[in-house]
Amino acid sequence: MMVTESNDNELRRLIFERNKVIVKFTDADCPVCKTMEPKYRKLSNAPDYSRIAFLRMSAKENPVSSREVKLKGTPFFATYNRGTLADCGIKATEEELREMLQKLLQLS
């Protein structure tokens, strides 16, 4: 599955349409965001994660969602399971991101 560009309104709709969602909040001035981008895109296409919708949002342009996940910096990731925030935090490595995705898959 590909990474979908999203915004506050779309996020609200998608977390109820899809059972499992991960969002990457990013910032154009964030060097770690740029490093993590190809890794995030690669994971979005991995067969292991085909049940998860991968979204990408600008932290600056979507203040409602950013505030909801208590954004403290970027790249900030949030996972949603059946419309509810399951986990969130700053992730700077592919391994940290994989761990977050595995936790999401284990939720019923």
PDB file of N, CA and C in Angstrom:
ATOM      1  N   MET A   1       0.850  -1.182   0.000  1.00  0.00           N
ATOM      2  CA  MET A   1       0.000   0.000   0.000  1.00  0.00           C
ATOM      3  C   MET A   1       0.893   1.241   0.000  1.00  0.00           C
ATOM      4  N   MET A   2       0.454   2.252  -0.625  1.00  0.00           N
ATOM      5  CA  MET A   2       1.244   3.476  -0.678  1.00  0.00           C
ATOM      6  C   MET A   2       0.928   4.392   0.500  1.00  0.00           C
ATOM      7  N   VAL A   3       1.765   5.401   0.663  1.00  0.00           N
ATOM      8  CA  VAL A   3       1.555   6.404   1.699  1.00  0.00           C
ATOM      9  C   VAL A   3       0.608   7.458   1.129  1.00  0.00           C
ATOM     10  N   THR A   4      -0.437   7.768   1.868  1.00  0.00           N
ATOM     11  CA  THR A   4      -1.438   8.743   1.447  1.00  0.00           C
ATOM     12  C   THR A   4      -1.204  10.060   2.171  1.00  0.00           C
ATOM     13  N   GLU A   5      -1.118  11.145   1.409  1.00  0.00           N
ATOM     14  CA  GLU A   5      -1.040  12.478   2.014  1.00  0.00           C
ATOM     15  C   GLU A   5      -2.400  12.769   2.624  1.00  0.00           C
ATOM     16  N   SER A   6      -2.415  13.302   3.833  1.00  0.00           N
ATOM     17  CA  SER A   6      -3.681  13.506   4.516  1.00  0.00           C
ATOM     18  C   SER A   6      -3.706  14.848   5.233  1.00  0.00           C
ATOM     19  N   ASN A   7      -4.848  15.127   5.861  1.00  0.00           N
ATOM     20  CA  ASN A   7      -5.021  16.342   6.654  1.00  0.00           C
ATOM     21  C   ASN A   7      -5.950  16.015   7.819  1.00  0.00           C
ATOM     22  N   ASP A   8      -6.225  16.997   8.658  1.00  0.00           N
ATOM     23  CA  ASP A   8      -7.056  16.770   9.842  1.00  0.00           C
ATOM     24  C   ASP A   8      -8.401  16.126   9.494  1.00  0.00           C
ATOM     25  N   ASN A   9      -9.088  16.649   8.496  1.00  0.00           N
ATOM     26  CA  ASN A   9     -10.413  16.134   8.144  1.00  0.00           C
ATOM     27  C   ASN A   9     -10.349  14.708   7.622  1.00  0.00           C
ATOM     28  N   GLU A  10      -9.399  14.434   6.743  1.00  0.00           N
ATOM     29  CA  GLU A  10      -9.240  13.096   6.188  1.00  0.00           C
ATOM     30  C   GLU A  10      -8.878  12.094   7.274  1.00  0.00           C
ATOM     31  N   LEU A  11      -8.000  12.493   8.196  1.00  0.00           N
ATOM     32  CA  LEU A  11      -7.595  11.590   9.263  1.00  0.00           C
ATOM     33  C   LEU A  11      -8.801  11.143  10.076  1.00  0.00           C
ATOM     34  N   ARG A  12      -9.650  12.075  10.427  1.00  0.00           N
ATOM     35  CA  ARG A  12     -10.836  11.736  11.214  1.00  0.00           C
ATOM     36  C   ARG A  12     -11.711  10.712  10.480  1.00  0.00           C
ATOM     37  N   ARG A  13     -11.836  10.863   9.199  1.00  0.00           N
ATOM     38  CA  ARG A  13     -12.644   9.928   8.410  1.00  0.00           C
ATOM     39  C   ARG A  13     -11.954   8.570   8.303  1.00  0.00           C
ATOM     40  N   LEU A  14     -10.663   8.570   7.987  1.00  0.00           N
ATOM     41  CA  LEU A  14      -9.942   7.324   7.722  1.00  0.00           C
ATOM     42  C   LEU A  14      -9.754   6.440   8.949  1.00  0.00           C
ATOM     43  N   ILE A  15      -9.597   7.034  10.127  1.00  0.00           N
ATOM     44  CA  ILE A  15      -9.402   6.179  11.305  1.00  0.00           C
ATOM     45  C   ILE A  15     -10.665   5.384  11.643  1.00  0.00           C
ATOM     46  N   PHE A  16     -11.815   5.817  11.117  1.00  0.00           N
ATOM     47  CA  PHE A  16     -13.038   5.050  11.326  1.00  0.00           C
ATOM     48  C   PHE A  16     -13.357   4.139  10.146  1.00  0.00           C
ATOM     49  N   GLU A  17     -12.830   4.461   8.979  1.00  0.00           N
ATOM     50  CA  GLU A  17     -13.022   3.604   7.803  1.00  0.00           C
ATOM     51  C   GLU A  17     -12.087   2.407   7.810  1.00  0.00           C
ATOM     52  N   ARG A  18     -10.872   2.610   8.275  1.00  0.00           N
ATOM     53  CA  ARG A  18      -9.858   1.554   8.288  1.00  0.00           C
ATOM     54  C   ARG A  18      -9.626   1.103   9.728  1.00  0.00           C
ATOM     55  N   ASN A  19      -9.455  -0.181   9.939  1.00  0.00           N
ATOM     56  CA  ASN A  19      -9.244  -0.690  11.295  1.00  0.00           C
ATOM     57  C   ASN A  19      -7.909  -0.264  11.881  1.00  0.00           C
ATOM     58  N   LYS A  20      -6.875  -0.215  11.035  1.00  0.00           N
ATOM     59  CA  LYS A  20      -5.530   0.091  11.517  1.00  0.00           C
ATOM     60  C   LYS A  20      -4.906   1.174  10.643  1.00  0.00           C
ATOM     61  N   VAL A  21      -4.434   2.229  11.311  1.00  0.00           N
ATOM     62  CA  VAL A  21      -3.870   3.389  10.609  1.00  0.00           C
ATOM     63  C   VAL A  21      -2.604   3.832  11.334  1.00  0.00           C
ATOM     64  N   ILE A  22      -1.588   4.208  10.555  1.00  0.00           N
ATOM     65  CA  ILE A  22      -0.413   4.869  11.120  1.00  0.00           C
ATOM     66  C   ILE A  22      -0.249   6.192  10.395  1.00  0.00           C
ATOM     67  N   VAL A  23       0.099   7.224  11.160  1.00  0.00           N
ATOM     68  CA  VAL A  23       0.295   8.570  10.597  1.00  0.00           C
ATOM     69  C   VAL A  23       1.703   9.034  10.936  1.00  0.00           C
ATOM     70  N   LYS A  24       2.372   9.563   9.934  1.00  0.00           N
ATOM     71  CA  LYS A  24       3.679  10.191  10.145  1.00  0.00           C
ATOM     72  C   LYS A  24       3.466  11.694  10.054  1.00  0.00           C
ATOM     73  N   PHE A  25       3.676  12.381  11.177  1.00  0.00           N
ATOM     74  CA  PHE A  25       3.632  13.844  11.190  1.00  0.00           C
ATOM     75  C   PHE A  25       5.043  14.317  10.867  1.00  0.00           C
ATOM     76  N   THR A  26       5.166  15.125   9.854  1.00  0.00           N
ATOM     77  CA  THR A  26       6.480  15.519   9.368  1.00  0.00           C
ATOM     78  C   THR A  26       6.592  17.034   9.251  1.00  0.00           C
ATOM     79  N   ASP A  27       7.802  17.493   9.070  1.00  0.00           N
ATOM     80  CA  ASP A  27       8.084  18.915   8.933  1.00  0.00           C
ATOM     81  C   ASP A  27       9.178  19.076   7.880  1.00  0.00           C
ATOM     82  N   ALA A  28       9.013  20.013   6.993  1.00  0.00           N
ATOM     83  CA  ALA A  28       9.985  20.224   5.911  1.00  0.00           C
ATOM     84  C   ALA A  28      11.375  20.571   6.427  1.00  0.00           C
ATOM     85  N   ASP A  29      11.463  21.148   7.619  1.00  0.00           N
ATOM     86  CA  ASP A  29      12.758  21.543   8.189  1.00  0.00           C
ATOM     87  C   ASP A  29      13.391  20.463   9.064  1.00  0.00           C
ATOM     88  N   CYS A  30      12.832  19.282   9.099  1.00  0.00           N
ATOM     89  CA  CYS A  30      13.286  18.210   9.984  1.00  0.00           C
ATOM     90  C   CYS A  30      14.192  17.235   9.226  1.00  0.00           C
ATOM     91  N   PRO A  31      15.499  17.198   9.553  1.00  0.00           N
ATOM     92  CA  PRO A  31      16.404  16.284   8.846  1.00  0.00           C
ATOM     93  C   PRO A  31      16.092  14.809   9.109  1.00  0.00           C
ATOM     94  N   VAL A  32      15.637  14.466  10.312  1.00  0.00           N
ATOM     95  CA  VAL A  32      15.303  13.072  10.600  1.00  0.00           C
ATOM     96  C   VAL A  32      14.062  12.651   9.806  1.00  0.00           C
ATOM     97  N   CYS A  33      13.142  13.589   9.601  1.00  0.00           N
ATOM     98  CA  CYS A  33      11.953  13.295   8.785  1.00  0.00           C
ATOM     99  C   CYS A  33      12.368  12.879   7.380  1.00  0.00           C
ATOM    100  N   LYS A  34      13.333  13.590   6.829  1.00  0.00           N
ATOM    101  CA  LYS A  34      13.814  13.278   5.484  1.00  0.00           C
ATOM    102  C   LYS A  34      14.494  11.917   5.447  1.00  0.00           C
ATOM    103  N   THR A  35      15.228  11.582   6.486  1.00  0.00           N
ATOM    104  CA  THR A  35      15.897  10.282   6.565  1.00  0.00           C
ATOM    105  C   THR A  35      14.878   9.150   6.704  1.00  0.00           C
ATOM    106  N   MET A  36      13.831   9.391   7.468  1.00  0.00           N
ATOM    107  CA  MET A  36      12.825   8.352   7.717  1.00  0.00           C
ATOM    108  C   MET A  36      11.842   8.167   6.563  1.00  0.00           C
ATOM    109  N   GLU A  37      11.714   9.145   5.698  1.00  0.00           N
ATOM    110  CA  GLU A  37      10.711   9.085   4.625  1.00  0.00           C
ATOM    111  C   GLU A  37      10.842   7.831   3.748  1.00  0.00           C
ATOM    112  N   PRO A  38      12.033   7.511   3.193  1.00  0.00           N
ATOM    113  CA  PRO A  38      12.108   6.306   2.352  1.00  0.00           C
ATOM    114  C   PRO A  38      11.851   5.019   3.148  1.00  0.00           C
ATOM    115  N   LYS A  39      12.218   4.999   4.402  1.00  0.00           N
ATOM    116  CA  LYS A  39      11.977   3.820   5.240  1.00  0.00           C
ATOM    117  C   LYS A  39      10.478   3.637   5.472  1.00  0.00           C
ATOM    118  N   TYR A  40       9.787   4.738   5.724  1.00  0.00           N
ATOM    119  CA  TYR A  40       8.340   4.702   5.937  1.00  0.00           C
ATOM    120  C   TYR A  40       7.637   4.223   4.668  1.00  0.00           C
ATOM    121  N   ARG A  41       8.058   4.741   3.534  1.00  0.00           N
ATOM    122  CA  ARG A  41       7.462   4.326   2.252  1.00  0.00           C
ATOM    123  C   ARG A  41       7.729   2.847   1.977  1.00  0.00           C
ATOM    124  N   LYS A  42       8.936   2.385   2.299  1.00  0.00           N
ATOM    125  CA  LYS A  42       9.279   0.976   2.094  1.00  0.00           C
ATOM    126  C   LYS A  42       8.385   0.081   2.958  1.00  0.00           C
ATOM    127  N   LEU A  43       8.203   0.461   4.216  1.00  0.00           N
ATOM    128  CA  LEU A  43       7.361  -0.328   5.112  1.00  0.00           C
ATOM    129  C   LEU A  43       5.902  -0.333   4.651  1.00  0.00           C
ATOM    130  N   SER A  44       5.460   0.763   4.071  1.00  0.00           N
ATOM    131  CA  SER A  44       4.068   0.836   3.607  1.00  0.00           C
ATOM    132  C   SER A  44       3.792  -0.168   2.492  1.00  0.00           C
ATOM    133  N   ASN A  45       4.836  -0.590   1.790  1.00  0.00           N
ATOM    134  CA  ASN A  45       4.689  -1.561   0.703  1.00  0.00           C
ATOM    135  C   ASN A  45       5.011  -2.990   1.131  1.00  0.00           C
ATOM    136  N   ALA A  46       5.414  -3.186   2.371  1.00  0.00           N
ATOM    137  CA  ALA A  46       5.761  -4.519   2.860  1.00  0.00           C
ATOM    138  C   ALA A  46       4.489  -5.353   3.051  1.00  0.00           C
ATOM    139  N   PRO A  47       4.491  -6.588   2.560  1.00  0.00           N
ATOM    140  CA  PRO A  47       3.303  -7.453   2.709  1.00  0.00           C
ATOM    141  C   PRO A  47       2.870  -7.645   4.169  1.00  0.00           C
ATOM    142  N   ASP A  48       3.811  -7.637   5.100  1.00  0.00           N
ATOM    143  CA  ASP A  48       3.478  -7.815   6.514  1.00  0.00           C
ATOM    144  C   ASP A  48       2.540  -6.734   7.042  1.00  0.00           C
ATOM    145  N   TYR A  49       2.572  -5.575   6.410  1.00  0.00           N
ATOM    146  CA  TYR A  49       1.799  -4.436   6.907  1.00  0.00           C
ATOM    147  C   TYR A  49       0.661  -4.038   5.963  1.00  0.00           C
ATOM    148  N   SER A  50       0.220  -4.956   5.132  1.00  0.00           N
ATOM    149  CA  SER A  50      -0.802  -4.646   4.124  1.00  0.00           C
ATOM    150  C   SER A  50      -2.158  -4.294   4.741  1.00  0.00           C
ATOM    151  N   ARG A  51      -2.386  -4.666   5.992  1.00  0.00           N
ATOM    152  CA  ARG A  51      -3.666  -4.344   6.650  1.00  0.00           C
ATOM    153  C   ARG A  51      -3.665  -2.957   7.275  1.00  0.00           C
ATOM    154  N   ILE A  52      -2.549  -2.247   7.189  1.00  0.00           N
ATOM    155  CA  ILE A  52      -2.417  -0.932   7.827  1.00  0.00           C
ATOM    156  C   ILE A  52      -2.447   0.164   6.764  1.00  0.00           C
ATOM    157  N   ALA A  53      -3.227   1.210   7.007  1.00  0.00           N
ATOM    158  CA  ALA A  53      -3.233   2.391   6.133  1.00  0.00           C
ATOM    159  C   ALA A  53      -2.121   3.322   6.606  1.00  0.00           C
ATOM    160  N   PHE A  54      -1.246   3.710   5.696  1.00  0.00           N
ATOM    161  CA  PHE A  54      -0.122   4.604   5.992  1.00  0.00           C
ATOM    162  C   PHE A  54      -0.462   6.010   5.514  1.00  0.00           C
ATOM    163  N   LEU A  55      -0.448   6.963   6.443  1.00  0.00           N
ATOM    164  CA  LEU A  55      -0.735   8.359   6.123  1.00  0.00           C
ATOM    165  C   LEU A  55       0.467   9.220   6.449  1.00  0.00           C
ATOM    166  N   ARG A  56       0.540  10.352   5.784  1.00  0.00           N
ATOM    167  CA  ARG A  56       1.592  11.345   6.037  1.00  0.00           C
ATOM    168  C   ARG A  56       0.916  12.695   6.140  1.00  0.00           C
ATOM    169  N   MET A  57       1.274  13.458   7.176  1.00  0.00           N
ATOM    170  CA  MET A  57       0.667  14.774   7.377  1.00  0.00           C
ATOM    171  C   MET A  57       1.722  15.789   7.774  1.00  0.00           C
ATOM    172  N   SER A  58       1.525  17.006   7.327  1.00  0.00           N
ATOM    173  CA  SER A  58       2.378  18.108   7.742  1.00  0.00           C
ATOM    174  C   SER A  58       1.984  18.519   9.157  1.00  0.00           C
ATOM    175  N   ALA A  59       2.955  18.525  10.052  1.00  0.00           N
ATOM    176  CA  ALA A  59       2.671  18.911  11.440  1.00  0.00           C
ATOM    177  C   ALA A  59       2.213  20.368  11.531  1.00  0.00           C
ATOM    178  N   LYS A  60       2.813  21.218  10.724  1.00  0.00           N
ATOM    179  CA  LYS A  60       2.484  22.647  10.790  1.00  0.00           C
ATOM    180  C   LYS A  60       1.123  22.964  10.192  1.00  0.00           C
ATOM    181  N   GLU A  61       0.718  22.210   9.178  1.00  0.00           N
ATOM    182  CA  GLU A  61      -0.527  22.516   8.467  1.00  0.00           C
ATOM    183  C   GLU A  61      -1.754  21.840   9.063  1.00  0.00           C
ATOM    184  N   ASN A  62      -1.564  20.992  10.070  1.00  0.00           N
ATOM    185  CA  ASN A  62      -2.678  20.252  10.663  1.00  0.00           C
ATOM    186  C   ASN A  62      -2.626  20.347  12.187  1.00  0.00           C
ATOM    187  N   PRO A  63      -2.911  21.525  12.709  1.00  0.00           N
ATOM    188  CA  PRO A  63      -2.746  21.753  14.143  1.00  0.00           C
ATOM    189  C   PRO A  63      -3.682  20.943  15.031  1.00  0.00           C
ATOM    190  N   VAL A  64      -4.858  20.594  14.551  1.00  0.00           N
ATOM    191  CA  VAL A  64      -5.796  19.843  15.394  1.00  0.00           C
ATOM    192  C   VAL A  64      -5.233  18.458  15.694  1.00  0.00           C
ATOM    193  N   SER A  65      -4.833  17.739  14.673  1.00  0.00           N
ATOM    194  CA  SER A  65      -4.275  16.395  14.878  1.00  0.00           C
ATOM    195  C   SER A  65      -2.970  16.454  15.649  1.00  0.00           C
ATOM    196  N   SER A  66      -2.154  17.424  15.347  1.00  0.00           N
ATOM    197  CA  SER A  66      -0.878  17.561  16.042  1.00  0.00           C
ATOM    198  C   SER A  66      -1.095  17.734  17.535  1.00  0.00           C
ATOM    199  N   ARG A  67      -2.062  18.528  17.903  1.00  0.00           N
ATOM    200  CA  ARG A  67      -2.365  18.768  19.311  1.00  0.00           C
ATOM    201  C   ARG A  67      -2.933  17.505  19.957  1.00  0.00           C
ATOM    202  N   GLU A  68      -3.765  16.783  19.212  1.00  0.00           N
ATOM    203  CA  GLU A  68      -4.397  15.579  19.751  1.00  0.00           C
ATOM    204  C   GLU A  68      -3.379  14.518  20.130  1.00  0.00           C
ATOM    205  N   VAL A  69      -2.299  14.405  19.405  1.00  0.00           N
ATOM    206  CA  VAL A  69      -1.299  13.382  19.722  1.00  0.00           C
ATOM    207  C   VAL A  69      -0.156  13.959  20.544  1.00  0.00           C
ATOM    208  N   LYS A  70      -0.369  15.163  21.063  1.00  0.00           N
ATOM    209  CA  LYS A  70       0.616  15.829  21.927  1.00  0.00           C
ATOM    210  C   LYS A  70       1.977  15.927  21.241  1.00  0.00           C
ATOM    211  N   LEU A  71       1.946  16.470  20.050  1.00  0.00           N
ATOM    212  CA  LEU A  71       3.137  16.601  19.227  1.00  0.00           C
ATOM    213  C   LEU A  71       4.245  17.343  19.960  1.00  0.00           C
ATOM    214  N   LYS A  72       5.387  16.709  20.053  1.00  0.00           N
ATOM    215  CA  LYS A  72       6.529  17.313  20.744  1.00  0.00           C
ATOM    216  C   LYS A  72       7.720  17.509  19.817  1.00  0.00           C
ATOM    217  N   GLY A  73       7.640  17.045  18.625  1.00  0.00           N
ATOM    218  CA  GLY A  73       8.725  17.141  17.664  1.00  0.00           C
ATOM    219  C   GLY A  73       8.439  16.225  16.490  1.00  0.00           C
ATOM    220  N   THR A  74       9.305  16.201  15.545  1.00  0.00           N
ATOM    221  CA  THR A  74       9.117  15.363  14.381  1.00  0.00           C
ATOM    222  C   THR A  74      10.382  14.564  14.117  1.00  0.00           C
ATOM    223  N   PRO A  75      10.298  13.425  13.475  1.00  0.00           N
ATOM    224  CA  PRO A  75       9.079  12.790  12.972  1.00  0.00           C
ATOM    225  C   PRO A  75       8.304  12.128  14.111  1.00  0.00           C
ATOM    226  N   PHE A  76       7.046  12.431  14.150  1.00  0.00           N
ATOM    227  CA  PHE A  76       6.154  11.929  15.180  1.00  0.00           C
ATOM    228  C   PHE A  76       5.185  10.965  14.519  1.00  0.00           C
ATOM    229  N   PHE A  77       5.019   9.797  15.100  1.00  0.00           N
ATOM    230  CA  PHE A  77       4.142   8.786  14.533  1.00  0.00           C
ATOM    231  C   PHE A  77       3.014   8.504  15.505  1.00  0.00           C
ATOM    232  N   ALA A  78       1.833   8.235  14.962  1.00  0.00           N
ATOM    233  CA  ALA A  78       0.679   7.866  15.771  1.00  0.00           C
ATOM    234  C   ALA A  78      -0.014   6.698  15.096  1.00  0.00           C
ATOM    235  N   THR A  79      -0.418   5.710  15.915  1.00  0.00           N
ATOM    236  CA  THR A  79      -1.180   4.592  15.376  1.00  0.00           C
ATOM    237  C   THR A  79      -2.588   4.631  15.946  1.00  0.00           C
ATOM    238  N   TYR A  80      -3.537   4.210  15.125  1.00  0.00           N
ATOM    239  CA  TYR A  80      -4.939   4.168  15.505  1.00  0.00           C
ATOM    240  C   TYR A  80      -5.471   2.766  15.253  1.00  0.00           C
ATOM    241  N   ASN A  81      -6.207   2.242  16.201  1.00  0.00           N
ATOM    242  CA  ASN A  81      -6.843   0.948  16.070  1.00  0.00           C
ATOM    243  C   ASN A  81      -8.343   1.137  16.253  1.00  0.00           C
ATOM    244  N   ARG A  82      -9.093   0.876  15.196  1.00  0.00           N
ATOM    245  CA  ARG A  82     -10.566   1.004  15.223  1.00  0.00           C
ATOM    246  C   ARG A  82     -11.023   2.364  15.745  1.00  0.00           C
ATOM    247  N   GLY A  83     -10.380   3.429  15.263  1.00  0.00           N
ATOM    248  CA  GLY A  83     -10.793   4.784  15.585  1.00  0.00           C
ATOM    249  C   GLY A  83     -10.221   5.365  16.866  1.00  0.00           C
ATOM    250  N   THR A  84      -9.407   4.590  17.582  1.00  0.00           N
ATOM    251  CA  THR A  84      -8.854   5.048  18.847  1.00  0.00           C
ATOM    252  C   THR A  84      -7.331   5.140  18.763  1.00  0.00           C
ATOM    253  N   LEU A  85      -6.785   6.197  19.326  1.00  0.00           N
ATOM    254  CA  LEU A  85      -5.333   6.344  19.364  1.00  0.00           C
ATOM    255  C   LEU A  85      -4.757   5.186  20.173  1.00  0.00           C
ATOM    256  N   ALA A  86      -3.846   4.420  19.557  1.00  0.00           N
ATOM    257  CA  ALA A  86      -3.261   3.255  20.217  1.00  0.00           C
ATOM    258  C   ALA A  86      -1.877   3.555  20.780  1.00  0.00           C
ATOM    259  N   ASP A  87      -1.073   4.326  20.036  1.00  0.00           N
ATOM    260  CA  ASP A  87       0.305   4.586  20.446  1.00  0.00           C
ATOM    261  C   ASP A  87       0.784   5.823  19.696  1.00  0.00           C
ATOM    262  N   CYS A  88       1.731   6.513  20.286  1.00  0.00           N
ATOM    263  CA  CYS A  88       2.313   7.650  19.586  1.00  0.00           C
ATOM    264  C   CYS A  88       3.673   7.980  20.176  1.00  0.00           C
ATOM    265  N   GLY A  89       4.500   8.623  19.351  1.00  0.00           N
ATOM    266  CA  GLY A  89       5.812   9.033  19.824  1.00  0.00           C
ATOM    267  C   GLY A  89       6.749   9.355  18.680  1.00  0.00           C
ATOM    268  N   ILE A  90       7.891   9.910  19.046  1.00  0.00           N
ATOM    269  CA  ILE A  90       8.929  10.222  18.066  1.00  0.00           C
ATOM    270  C   ILE A  90       9.697   8.944  17.782  1.00  0.00           C
ATOM    271  N   LYS A  91       9.877   8.629  16.528  1.00  0.00           N
ATOM    272  CA  LYS A  91      10.625   7.452  16.098  1.00  0.00           C
ATOM    273  C   LYS A  91      11.692   7.917  15.122  1.00  0.00           C
ATOM    274  N   ALA A  92      12.932   7.499  15.376  1.00  0.00           N
ATOM    275  CA  ALA A  92      14.044   7.972  14.546  1.00  0.00           C
ATOM    276  C   ALA A  92      14.743   6.846  13.796  1.00  0.00           C
ATOM    277  N   THR A  93      14.276   5.586  13.989  1.00  0.00           N
ATOM    278  CA  THR A  93      14.898   4.467  13.280  1.00  0.00           C
ATOM    279  C   THR A  93      13.818   3.565  12.696  1.00  0.00           C
ATOM    280  N   GLU A  94      14.214   2.810  11.696  1.00  0.00           N
ATOM    281  CA  GLU A  94      13.283   1.858  11.087  1.00  0.00           C
ATOM    282  C   GLU A  94      12.869   0.793  12.103  1.00  0.00           C
ATOM    283  N   GLU A  95      13.785   0.368  12.941  1.00  0.00           N
ATOM    284  CA  GLU A  95      13.480  -0.650  13.942  1.00  0.00           C
ATOM    285  C   GLU A  95      12.404  -0.165  14.924  1.00  0.00           C
ATOM    286  N   GLU A  96      12.509   1.069  15.374  1.00  0.00           N
ATOM    287  CA  GLU A  96      11.491   1.633  16.269  1.00  0.00           C
ATOM    288  C   GLU A  96      10.124   1.656  15.580  1.00  0.00           C
ATOM    289  N   LEU A  97      10.133   1.998  14.316  1.00  0.00           N
ATOM    290  CA  LEU A  97       8.896   2.054  13.546  1.00  0.00           C
ATOM    291  C   LEU A  97       8.306   0.655  13.367  1.00  0.00           C
ATOM    292  N   ARG A  98       9.149  -0.325  13.083  1.00  0.00           N
ATOM    293  CA  ARG A  98       8.677  -1.719  12.953  1.00  0.00           C
ATOM    294  C   ARG A  98       8.042  -2.205  14.265  1.00  0.00           C
ATOM    295  N   GLU A  99       8.654  -1.866  15.390  1.00  0.00           N
ATOM    296  CA  GLU A  99       8.106  -2.252  16.691  1.00  0.00           C
ATOM    297  C   GLU A  99       6.712  -1.653  16.888  1.00  0.00           C
ATOM    298  N   MET A 100       6.556  -0.397  16.503  1.00  0.00           N
ATOM    299  CA  MET A 100       5.267   0.269  16.628  1.00  0.00           C
ATOM    300  C   MET A 100       4.219  -0.424  15.741  1.00  0.00           C
ATOM    301  N   LEU A 101       4.611  -0.782  14.528  1.00  0.00           N
ATOM    302  CA  LEU A 101       3.694  -1.454  13.609  1.00  0.00           C
ATOM    303  C   LEU A 101       3.313  -2.838  14.120  1.00  0.00           C
ATOM    304  N   GLN A 102       4.257  -3.559  14.689  1.00  0.00           N
ATOM    305  CA  GLN A 102       3.973  -4.884  15.237  1.00  0.00           C
ATOM    306  C   GLN A 102       2.975  -4.796  16.382  1.00  0.00           C
ATOM    307  N   LYS A 103       3.137  -3.800  17.248  1.00  0.00           N
ATOM    308  CA  LYS A 103       2.186  -3.594  18.353  1.00  0.00           C
ATOM    309  C   LYS A 103       0.777  -3.345  17.812  1.00  0.00           C
ATOM    310  N   LEU A 104       0.699  -2.550  16.749  1.00  0.00           N
ATOM    311  CA  LEU A 104      -0.595  -2.239  16.150  1.00  0.00           C
ATOM    312  C   LEU A 104      -1.234  -3.504  15.585  1.00  0.00           C
ATOM    313  N   LEU A 105      -0.457  -4.337  14.914  1.00  0.00           N
ATOM    314  CA  LEU A 105      -0.995  -5.568  14.334  1.00  0.00           C
ATOM    315  C   LEU A 105      -1.490  -6.546  15.400  1.00  0.00           C
ATOM    316  N   GLN A 106      -0.926  -6.505  16.578  1.00  0.00           N
ATOM    317  CA  GLN A 106      -1.315  -7.417  17.650  1.00  0.00           C
ATOM    318  C   GLN A 106      -2.639  -7.027  18.303  1.00  0.00           C
ATOM    319  N   LEU A 107      -3.082  -5.806  18.083  1.00  0.00           N
ATOM    320  CA  LEU A 107      -4.360  -5.364  18.661  1.00  0.00           C
ATOM    321  C   LEU A 107      -5.520  -5.967  17.878  1.00  0.00           C
ATOM    322  N   SER A 108      -6.564  -6.364  18.594  1.00  0.00           N
ATOM    323  CA  SER A 108      -7.706  -6.953  17.900  1.00  0.00           C
ATOM    324  C   SER A 108      -8.685  -5.896  17.442  1.00  0.00           C
TER     325      SER A 108
END
